[in-house]
Amino acid sequence: MNTFIAVLKRDLTLAYRRRQDLVNPLIFFTIVVSLFPLGVSPEKSFLQEAGAGVVWVAALLATLLSLDSLFRSDFEDGSLEQIILTPQPLFIMVLAKICAHWLVTGVPLIILSPMLGVMMHLDFETIKVLMLTLLLGTPVLSLIGAIGAALTVGLRVGGVLISLLILPLYIPVLIFGTGTVQAAANLLPIDGYIALMGAIFALSLTLSPIAAAAALKISLSN
C-alpha cells in the first residue's frame, strides 16, 4: 500500500506540472460534443436520442488521446526501467499509475458531463444515469488502455497503434454505457446494464494491471 500511494502521489504531482496535458483531453471532449449539434441537427428530439452516444464516444476518444503519455515520460527518462527492477510487485505500481491517469482524465470528464448533457437536452434523471455509467466506464477505459500503452511504449508511432489495439476492446463498454442511458431515458429498468458494467469493471480491475505489467516487461526486453 505504501508503494501504491507513493507512485500515485508521484504521478499526480507530475501531471499537475504538465497542466497542458490535463487540459487537452477536456477541451477535445467539450469541442466534440459542442460541434455535434452544429454538424448534424440541433433538433431537441434528435439530440435527446443521440446525446448519450455522443458524450460516450467523445469521452472514449478523449481517453485515447491521453493514453500515450501513461508510460511514455517514464520510458524516456529511464525511470520505467528502475520501476520494473524494484522488488515491489510491478502490477501494484502499474495500478497506481492507472489510478492517477483516471483521476486526471476520467474524473474531469465525469464532472463535465452534466453540462454537456444539458446541451444535449437530457433530463435530470438521464444525466444522473449518464454520470453513473461514466463513473463505471471511464476506469475501464483507463485500465484496458494501459495494456495498449504498455505494449507500444517503446514505439514512435505508439498513439496510432494504441487506437488500433484498444478500440475493439472498448466496444462493449460503449454499447452498455449508451444502452444504459437510453434505457433510462425510455423509463426501462437499467439494473441489468449496471450489473454488466460493474462486472466489466471488476474483470478489468483484476486482470488489466497484471496484463499491463507483463506488456511492459515485454516492451522493455526487446
Protein backbone atom coordinates (compact mmCIF):
# COMPACT_ATOMS: atom_id res chain seq x y z
CA MET A 1 0.00 0.00 0.00
CA ASN A 2 2.87 2.39 0.71
CA THR A 3 4.26 1.70 -2.76
CA PHE A 4 0.85 2.29 -4.33
CA ILE A 5 0.41 5.63 -2.53
CA ALA A 6 3.96 6.77 -3.35
CA VAL A 7 3.57 6.06 -7.09
CA LEU A 8 0.11 7.64 -7.12
CA LYS A 9 1.38 10.85 -5.47
CA ARG A 10 4.35 10.98 -7.83
CA ASP A 11 2.21 10.66 -10.97
CA LEU A 12 -0.34 13.20 -9.73
CA THR A 13 2.46 15.66 -8.99
CA LEU A 14 3.97 15.18 -12.46
CA ALA A 15 0.56 15.55 -14.08
CA TYR A 16 -0.04 18.80 -12.20
CA ARG A 17 3.25 20.16 -13.52
CA ARG A 18 2.20 19.34 -17.11
CA ARG A 19 -1.11 21.13 -16.98
CA GLN A 20 -1.44 21.43 -20.76
CA ASP A 21 -1.61 17.63 -20.94
CA LEU A 22 -4.51 17.73 -18.47
CA VAL A 23 -6.46 20.36 -20.37
CA ASN A 24 -6.13 18.90 -23.89
CA PRO A 25 -8.48 15.90 -23.39
CA LEU A 26 -11.07 18.11 -21.68
CA ILE A 27 -11.00 20.66 -24.49
CA PHE A 28 -11.28 17.87 -27.05
CA PHE A 29 -14.19 16.30 -25.13
CA THR A 30 -16.06 19.61 -24.95
CA ILE A 31 -15.44 20.56 -28.58
CA VAL A 32 -16.60 17.21 -29.98
CA VAL A 33 -19.88 17.30 -28.06
CA SER A 34 -20.43 21.01 -28.77
CA LEU A 35 -19.89 20.69 -32.52
CA PHE A 36 -22.18 17.69 -32.95
CA PRO A 37 -25.47 19.70 -32.94
CA LEU A 38 -23.96 22.17 -35.42
CA GLY A 39 -22.77 19.48 -37.81
CA VAL A 40 -25.77 17.12 -37.66
CA SER A 41 -29.01 18.58 -36.29
CA PRO A 42 -29.97 20.95 -33.47
CA GLU A 43 -33.45 19.41 -33.06
CA LYS A 44 -34.27 18.64 -29.45
CA SER A 45 -35.75 15.19 -30.07
CA PHE A 46 -32.74 14.08 -32.12
CA LEU A 47 -30.23 15.34 -29.55
CA GLN A 48 -32.11 13.59 -26.74
CA GLU A 49 -31.90 10.34 -28.69
CA ALA A 50 -28.24 10.65 -29.72
CA GLY A 51 -26.88 12.69 -26.81
CA ALA A 52 -25.71 9.79 -24.63
CA GLY A 53 -23.88 8.17 -27.53
CA VAL A 54 -22.17 11.42 -28.47
CA VAL A 55 -20.97 12.04 -24.90
CA TRP A 56 -19.71 8.47 -24.58
CA VAL A 57 -17.87 8.50 -27.92
CA ALA A 58 -16.27 11.85 -27.03
CA ALA A 59 -15.20 10.50 -23.62
CA LEU A 60 -13.72 7.41 -25.26
CA LEU A 61 -11.74 9.45 -27.80
CA ALA A 62 -10.56 11.90 -25.13
CA THR A 63 -9.25 8.98 -23.07
CA LEU A 64 -7.45 7.58 -26.12
CA LEU A 65 -5.87 10.98 -26.65
CA SER A 66 -4.18 10.84 -23.25
CA LEU A 67 -3.17 7.16 -23.14
CA ASP A 68 0.11 7.53 -24.99
CA SER A 69 1.54 9.60 -22.12
CA LEU A 70 0.69 6.97 -19.47
CA PHE A 71 4.14 5.34 -19.54
CA ARG A 72 5.91 7.47 -22.16
CA SER A 73 7.58 10.03 -19.88
CA ASP A 74 8.86 7.31 -17.54
CA PHE A 75 10.23 5.40 -20.51
CA GLU A 76 12.01 8.43 -21.93
CA ASP A 77 13.76 9.45 -18.69
CA GLY A 78 14.69 5.86 -17.76
CA SER A 79 12.62 5.67 -14.59
CA LEU A 80 10.40 2.95 -16.06
CA GLU A 81 13.31 0.51 -16.08
CA GLN A 82 14.01 1.32 -12.44
CA ILE A 83 10.36 0.73 -11.57
CA ILE A 84 10.49 -2.70 -13.21
CA LEU A 85 13.71 -3.61 -11.38
CA THR A 86 12.36 -2.75 -7.92
CA PRO A 87 11.43 -5.70 -5.66
CA GLN A 88 7.88 -4.39 -5.28
CA PRO A 89 5.13 -6.10 -7.35
CA LEU A 90 5.03 -4.37 -10.71
CA PHE A 91 1.27 -4.69 -11.14
CA ILE A 92 0.74 -2.64 -7.95
CA MET A 93 2.76 0.24 -9.37
CA VAL A 94 1.01 -0.09 -12.73
CA LEU A 95 -2.35 0.04 -10.96
CA ALA A 96 -1.26 3.23 -9.16
CA LYS A 97 -0.31 4.83 -12.49
CA ILE A 98 -3.66 3.82 -13.98
CA CYS A 99 -5.49 5.33 -10.98
CA ALA A 100 -3.55 8.57 -11.41
CA HIS A 101 -4.44 8.62 -15.12
CA TRP A 102 -8.13 8.14 -14.31
CA LEU A 103 -8.07 10.85 -11.64
CA VAL A 104 -6.64 13.44 -14.03
CA THR A 105 -8.59 12.33 -17.12
CA GLY A 106 -11.69 10.34 -16.24
CA VAL A 107 -12.89 12.32 -13.21
CA PRO A 108 -12.87 15.70 -15.06
CA LEU A 109 -14.86 14.07 -17.88
CA ILE A 110 -17.46 12.90 -15.36
CA ILE A 111 -17.63 16.38 -13.82
CA LEU A 112 -18.12 18.00 -17.24
CA SER A 113 -20.77 15.52 -18.39
CA PRO A 114 -23.80 17.21 -16.71
CA MET A 115 -23.11 20.47 -18.55
CA LEU A 116 -22.80 18.65 -21.86
CA GLY A 117 -25.88 16.58 -21.05
CA VAL A 118 -27.87 19.80 -20.64
CA MET A 119 -26.56 20.90 -24.06
CA MET A 120 -27.99 17.66 -25.45
CA HIS A 121 -31.38 18.39 -23.80
CA LEU A 122 -31.14 15.38 -21.49
CA ASP A 123 -33.37 15.49 -18.41
CA PHE A 124 -32.05 15.39 -14.86
CA GLU A 125 -32.64 11.66 -14.27
CA THR A 126 -30.97 10.73 -17.56
CA ILE A 127 -27.96 12.90 -16.72
CA LYS A 128 -27.61 11.12 -13.37
CA VAL A 129 -27.57 7.76 -15.14
CA LEU A 130 -25.08 9.13 -17.67
CA MET A 131 -22.74 10.15 -14.85
CA LEU A 132 -23.15 6.72 -13.23
CA THR A 133 -22.22 4.94 -16.45
CA LEU A 134 -19.20 7.20 -16.91
CA LEU A 135 -18.20 6.53 -13.30
CA LEU A 136 -18.21 2.80 -14.03
CA GLY A 137 -16.94 3.02 -17.59
CA THR A 138 -14.10 5.54 -17.58
CA PRO A 139 -11.96 3.45 -15.18
CA VAL A 140 -12.39 0.54 -17.60
CA LEU A 141 -11.18 2.77 -20.45
CA SER A 142 -8.04 3.61 -18.46
CA LEU A 143 -7.48 0.02 -17.33
CA ILE A 144 -7.81 -1.53 -20.79
CA GLY A 145 -5.96 1.35 -22.41
CA ALA A 146 -2.99 0.77 -20.11
CA ILE A 147 -2.40 -2.58 -21.80
CA GLY A 148 -2.11 -0.93 -25.21
CA ALA A 149 0.04 1.87 -23.80
CA ALA A 150 2.39 -0.71 -22.24
CA LEU A 151 2.69 -2.70 -25.47
CA THR A 152 3.55 0.38 -27.55
CA VAL A 153 5.61 2.36 -25.04
CA GLY A 154 8.86 1.93 -26.95
CA LEU A 155 7.44 2.78 -30.40
CA ARG A 156 7.48 6.19 -32.04
CA VAL A 157 4.01 5.73 -33.52
CA GLY A 158 2.56 4.34 -30.33
CA GLY A 159 -0.50 6.60 -30.34
CA VAL A 160 -1.81 5.18 -33.62
CA LEU A 161 -1.17 1.59 -32.59
CA ILE A 162 -2.91 2.10 -29.25
CA SER A 163 -6.07 3.09 -31.11
CA LEU A 164 -5.90 0.02 -33.36
CA LEU A 165 -5.26 -2.34 -30.44
CA ILE A 166 -7.67 -0.91 -27.89
CA LEU A 167 -10.71 0.34 -29.81
CA PRO A 168 -12.18 -3.16 -30.38
CA LEU A 169 -11.94 -3.83 -26.63
CA TYR A 170 -13.76 -0.57 -25.88
CA ILE A 171 -16.84 -1.54 -27.89
CA PRO A 172 -18.65 -3.49 -25.09
CA VAL A 173 -18.17 -0.58 -22.66
CA LEU A 174 -19.51 1.85 -25.26
CA ILE A 175 -22.53 -0.36 -26.05
CA PHE A 176 -23.53 -0.91 -22.42
CA GLY A 177 -22.80 2.70 -21.44
CA THR A 178 -25.04 4.20 -24.12
CA GLY A 179 -27.61 1.42 -23.73
CA THR A 180 -27.99 2.16 -20.03
CA VAL A 181 -28.68 5.84 -20.65
CA GLN A 182 -31.12 5.14 -23.47
CA ALA A 183 -32.98 2.62 -21.30
CA ALA A 184 -33.23 5.20 -18.50
CA ALA A 185 -34.50 7.82 -20.97
CA ASN A 186 -37.22 5.38 -22.10
CA LEU A 187 -38.15 4.58 -18.47
CA LEU A 188 -36.93 0.98 -18.77
CA PRO A 189 -35.11 -0.94 -15.99
CA ILE A 190 -31.36 -0.45 -16.00
CA ASP A 191 -30.30 -2.90 -13.28
CA GLY A 192 -29.06 -5.45 -15.81
CA TYR A 193 -26.98 -2.87 -17.67
CA ILE A 194 -25.43 -1.60 -14.45
CA ALA A 195 -24.63 -5.14 -13.32
CA LEU A 196 -22.89 -5.89 -16.63
CA MET A 197 -20.87 -2.68 -16.46
CA GLY A 198 -19.91 -3.48 -12.88
CA ALA A 199 -18.79 -6.95 -13.96
CA ILE A 200 -16.68 -5.48 -16.78
CA PHE A 201 -15.12 -3.05 -14.31
CA ALA A 202 -14.33 -5.81 -11.81
CA LEU A 203 -12.80 -8.00 -14.51
CA SER A 204 -10.71 -5.13 -15.87
CA LEU A 205 -9.55 -4.11 -12.39
CA THR A 206 -8.43 -7.68 -11.70
CA LEU A 207 -6.70 -8.54 -14.96
CA SER A 208 -5.59 -5.31 -16.65
CA PRO A 209 -2.79 -4.30 -14.21
CA ILE A 210 -1.28 -7.79 -14.46
CA ALA A 211 -1.52 -7.78 -18.26
CA ALA A 212 -0.08 -4.25 -18.48
CA ALA A 213 2.82 -5.19 -16.19
CA ALA A 214 3.62 -8.20 -18.39
CA ALA A 215 3.37 -6.00 -21.50
CA LEU A 216 5.85 -3.52 -20.02
CA LYS A 217 8.36 -6.27 -19.42
CA ILE A 218 7.92 -7.49 -22.98
CA SER A 219 8.30 -3.98 -24.43
CA LEU A 220 11.48 -3.21 -22.48
CA SER A 221 13.05 -6.59 -23.14
CA ASN A 222 13.01 -6.02 -26.92
